[in-house]
C-alpha atoms as a PDB file:
ATOM      1  CA  UNK A   1      21.941 -84.234  -2.754  1.00  0.00           C
ATOM      2  CA  UNK A   2      21.119 -87.191  -5.057  1.00  0.00           C
ATOM      3  CA  UNK A   3      21.108 -89.513  -2.055  1.00  0.00           C
ATOM      4  CA  UNK A   4      18.682 -87.336  -0.108  1.00  0.00           C
ATOM      5  CA  UNK A   5      16.379 -86.936  -3.109  1.00  0.00           C
ATOM      6  CA  UNK A   6      16.328 -90.697  -3.700  1.00  0.00           C
ATOM      7  CA  UNK A   7      15.587 -91.342  -0.040  1.00  0.00           C
ATOM      8  CA  UNK A   8      12.693 -88.900  -0.142  1.00  0.00           C
ATOM      9  CA  UNK A   9      11.526 -90.529  -3.389  1.00  0.00           C
ATOM     10  CA  UNK A  10      11.581 -93.949  -1.717  1.00  0.00           C
ATOM     11  CA  UNK A  11       9.831 -92.771   1.439  1.00  0.00           C
ATOM     12  CA  UNK A  12       7.023 -91.073  -0.437  1.00  0.00           C
ATOM     13  CA  UNK A  13       6.722 -93.634  -3.227  1.00  0.00           C
ATOM     14  CA  UNK A  14       3.335 -94.743  -1.981  1.00  0.00           C
ATOM     15  CA  UNK A  15       1.875 -91.323  -1.336  1.00  0.00           C
ATOM     16  CA  UNK A  16      -1.309 -91.149  -3.322  1.00  0.00           C
ATOM     17  CA  UNK A  17      -0.515 -94.347  -5.214  1.00  0.00           C
ATOM     18  CA  UNK A  18      -3.288 -95.699  -7.387  1.00  0.00           C
ATOM     19  CA  UNK A  19      -2.841 -99.441  -7.743  1.00  0.00           C
ATOM     20  CA  UNK A  20      -4.426-101.632 -10.395  1.00  0.00           C
ATOM     21  CA  UNK A  21      -3.418-105.280  -9.838  1.00  0.00           C
ATOM     22  CA  UNK A  22      -4.130-108.305 -12.032  1.00  0.00           C
ATOM     23  CA  UNK A  23      -2.872-111.816 -11.200  1.00  0.00           C
ATOM     24  CA  UNK A  24      -1.458-114.547 -13.470  1.00  0.00           C
ATOM     25  CA  UNK A  25       0.180-117.872 -12.594  1.00  0.00           C
ATOM     26  CA  UNK A  26       3.432-118.808 -14.301  1.00  0.00           C
ATOM     27  CA  UNK A  27       4.257-122.429 -15.100  1.00  0.00           C
ATOM     28  CA  UNK A  28       7.262-122.381 -12.735  1.00  0.00           C
ATOM     29  CA  UNK A  29       5.120-122.198  -9.591  1.00  0.00           C
ATOM     30  CA  UNK A  30       5.270-118.417  -9.300  1.00  0.00           C
ATOM     31  CA  UNK A  31       2.329-116.022  -9.263  1.00  0.00           C
ATOM     32  CA  UNK A  32       2.732-112.754 -11.132  1.00  0.00           C
ATOM     33  CA  UNK A  33       0.615-109.690 -10.430  1.00  0.00           C
ATOM     34  CA  UNK A  34       0.711-106.679 -12.746  1.00  0.00           C
ATOM     35  CA  UNK A  35       0.348-103.325 -10.995  1.00  0.00           C
ATOM     36  CA  UNK A  36       0.331 -99.643 -11.772  1.00  0.00           C
ATOM     37  CA  UNK A  37       0.900 -96.653  -9.538  1.00  0.00           C
ATOM     38  CA  UNK A  38       0.822 -92.916 -10.075  1.00  0.00           C
ATOM     39  CA  UNK A  39       1.490 -90.275  -7.496  1.00  0.00           C
ATOM     40  CA  UNK A  40       3.093 -86.912  -6.941  1.00  0.00           C
ATOM     41  CA  UNK A  41       6.380 -87.165  -5.101  1.00  0.00           C
ATOM     42  CA  UNK A  42       7.171 -84.053  -3.021  1.00  0.00           C
ATOM     43  CA  UNK A  43      10.680 -83.818  -4.533  1.00  0.00           C
ATOM     44  CA  UNK A  44      10.341 -85.371  -8.000  1.00  0.00           C
ATOM     45  CA  UNK A  45       6.824 -84.281  -8.874  1.00  0.00           C
ATOM     46  CA  UNK A  46       4.512 -86.564 -10.883  1.00  0.00           C
ATOM     47  CA  UNK A  47       5.574 -90.241 -11.151  1.00  0.00           C
ATOM     48  CA  UNK A  48       3.853 -92.942 -13.239  1.00  0.00           C
ATOM     49  CA  UNK A  49       4.787 -96.633 -12.742  1.00  0.00           C
ATOM     50  CA  UNK A  50       3.916-100.071 -14.084  1.00  0.00           C
ATOM     51  CA  UNK A  51       5.399-103.346 -12.953  1.00  0.00           C
ATOM     52  CA  UNK A  52       5.111-106.945 -11.883  1.00  0.00           C
ATOM     53  CA  UNK A  53       5.053-108.508  -8.412  1.00  0.00           C
ATOM     54  CA  UNK A  54       6.349-112.084  -8.562  1.00  0.00           C
ATOM     55  CA  UNK A  55       5.772-114.407  -5.603  1.00  0.00           C
ATOM     56  CA  UNK A  56       7.345-117.855  -5.644  1.00  0.00           C
ATOM     57  CA  UNK A  57       7.018-120.433  -2.896  1.00  0.00           C
ATOM     58  CA  UNK A  58       9.395-123.283  -2.057  1.00  0.00           C
ATOM     59  CA  UNK A  59      11.765-124.392  -3.281  1.00  0.00           C
ATOM     60  CA  UNK A  60      13.763-121.179  -3.583  1.00  0.00           C
ATOM     61  CA  UNK A  61      10.975-118.871  -2.402  1.00  0.00           C
ATOM     62  CA  UNK A  62      11.149-115.142  -3.094  1.00  0.00           C
ATOM     63  CA  UNK A  63       9.072-111.987  -3.543  1.00  0.00           C
ATOM     64  CA  UNK A  64      10.223-109.646  -6.294  1.00  0.00           C
ATOM     65  CA  UNK A  65       9.023-106.380  -7.811  1.00  0.00           C
ATOM     66  CA  UNK A  66      10.219-105.341 -11.247  1.00  0.00           C
ATOM     67  CA  UNK A  67       8.860-102.017 -12.424  1.00  0.00           C
ATOM     68  CA  UNK A  68       9.487 -99.012 -14.598  1.00  0.00           C
ATOM     69  CA  UNK A  69       8.550 -95.514 -13.534  1.00  0.00           C
ATOM     70  CA  UNK A  70       8.578 -92.308 -15.531  1.00  0.00           C
ATOM     71  CA  UNK A  71       9.704 -89.350 -13.444  1.00  0.00           C
ATOM     72  CA  UNK A  72       8.062 -86.424 -15.194  1.00  0.00           C
ATOM     73  CA  UNK A  73      10.376 -83.760 -13.694  1.00  0.00           C
ATOM     74  CA  UNK A  74      13.534 -85.790 -14.418  1.00  0.00           C
ATOM     75  CA  UNK A  75      16.278 -87.088 -12.124  1.00  0.00           C
ATOM     76  CA  UNK A  76      20.056 -87.556 -12.549  1.00  0.00           C
ATOM     77  CA  UNK A  77      20.953 -90.722 -14.459  1.00  0.00           C
ATOM     78  CA  UNK A  78      22.826 -93.465 -12.622  1.00  0.00           C
ATOM     79  CA  UNK A  79      22.602 -96.806 -10.864  1.00  0.00           C
ATOM     80  CA  UNK A  80      21.695 -96.721  -7.192  1.00  0.00           C
ATOM     81  CA  UNK A  81      21.617 -99.438  -4.539  1.00  0.00           C
ATOM     82  CA  UNK A  82      18.675 -99.256  -2.178  1.00  0.00           C
ATOM     83  CA  UNK A  83      21.028 -99.899   0.732  1.00  0.00           C
ATOM     84  CA  UNK A  84      22.888 -96.723  -0.298  1.00  0.00           C
ATOM     85  CA  UNK A  85      19.736 -94.569  -0.368  1.00  0.00           C
ATOM     86  CA  UNK A  86      18.146 -95.859   2.838  1.00  0.00           C
ATOM     87  CA  UNK A  87      15.761 -98.405   1.332  1.00  0.00           C
ATOM     88  CA  UNK A  88      12.747 -98.701  -0.929  1.00  0.00           C
ATOM     89  CA  UNK A  89       9.017 -98.982  -0.311  1.00  0.00           C
ATOM     90  CA  UNK A  90       7.165-101.109  -2.867  1.00  0.00           C
ATOM     91  CA  UNK A  91       4.758 -99.318  -5.177  1.00  0.00           C
ATOM     92  CA  UNK A  92       2.670-102.513  -5.018  1.00  0.00           C
ATOM     93  CA  UNK A  93       1.971-102.849  -1.285  1.00  0.00           C
ATOM     94  CA  UNK A  94       4.386-100.675   0.681  1.00  0.00           C
ATOM     95  CA  UNK A  95       6.765-103.481   1.755  1.00  0.00           C
ATOM     96  CA  UNK A  96      10.214-102.152   2.691  1.00  0.00           C
ATOM     97  CA  UNK A  97      13.555-103.491   1.449  1.00  0.00           C
ATOM     98  CA  UNK A  98      17.229-102.668   1.286  1.00  0.00           C
ATOM     99  CA  UNK A  99      17.746-105.344  -1.403  1.00  0.00           C
ATOM    100  CA  UNK A 100      17.106-103.550  -4.674  1.00  0.00           C
ATOM    101  CA  UNK A 101      18.668-101.638  -7.518  1.00  0.00           C
ATOM    102  CA  UNK A 102      17.409 -98.509  -9.276  1.00  0.00           C
ATOM    103  CA  UNK A 103      18.682 -97.700 -12.759  1.00  0.00           C
ATOM    104  CA  UNK A 104      17.732 -94.189 -13.818  1.00  0.00           C
ATOM    105  CA  UNK A 105      18.115 -93.039 -17.414  1.00  0.00           C
ATOM    106  CA  UNK A 106      17.601 -89.610 -18.928  1.00  0.00           C
ATOM    107  CA  UNK A 107      14.894 -89.699 -21.596  1.00  0.00           C
ATOM    108  CA  UNK A 108      16.249 -86.549 -23.272  1.00  0.00           C
ATOM    109  CA  UNK A 109      12.950 -84.692 -22.952  1.00  0.00           C
ATOM    110  CA  UNK A 110      13.161 -83.516 -19.339  1.00  0.00           C
ATOM    111  CA  UNK A 111      11.806 -86.807 -17.967  1.00  0.00           C
ATOM    112  CA  UNK A 112      13.660 -89.804 -16.558  1.00  0.00           C
ATOM    113  CA  UNK A 113      12.976 -93.527 -16.472  1.00  0.00           C
ATOM    114  CA  UNK A 114      13.528 -95.440 -13.227  1.00  0.00           C
ATOM    115  CA  UNK A 115      13.834 -99.236 -13.571  1.00  0.00           C
ATOM    116  CA  UNK A 116      13.542-100.899 -10.151  1.00  0.00           C
ATOM    117  CA  UNK A 117      14.234-104.521  -9.246  1.00  0.00           C
ATOM    118  CA  UNK A 118      13.484-105.195  -5.584  1.00  0.00           C
ATOM    119  CA  UNK A 119      13.481-108.320  -3.422  1.00  0.00           C
ATOM    120  CA  UNK A 120      11.531-108.581  -0.163  1.00  0.00           C
END
């Protein structure tokens, strides 16, 4: 059941997302863009996220999202691989990946925190 709920969460992560980007350049040649997203997931209910999109060009180019989301209706704590749940759609721009990790913690008040690190 957890796997199905996470897959649905990933598929609908962009539904109704409100994004608020701001860009900054790091001194290592990478550009960092702060973003926020809030939406109502059909399984999890209201979700509120804030994170960073990091884009680095050669050498060693990569695109990475690192974000934290509060799941207002809660979700079982654990560490999940995106390959195990069928993938992840970025809350920044909808890019899809199987290369990410979700770490969900119980906040003790009925909500959960979801820390996502994703590479595209």
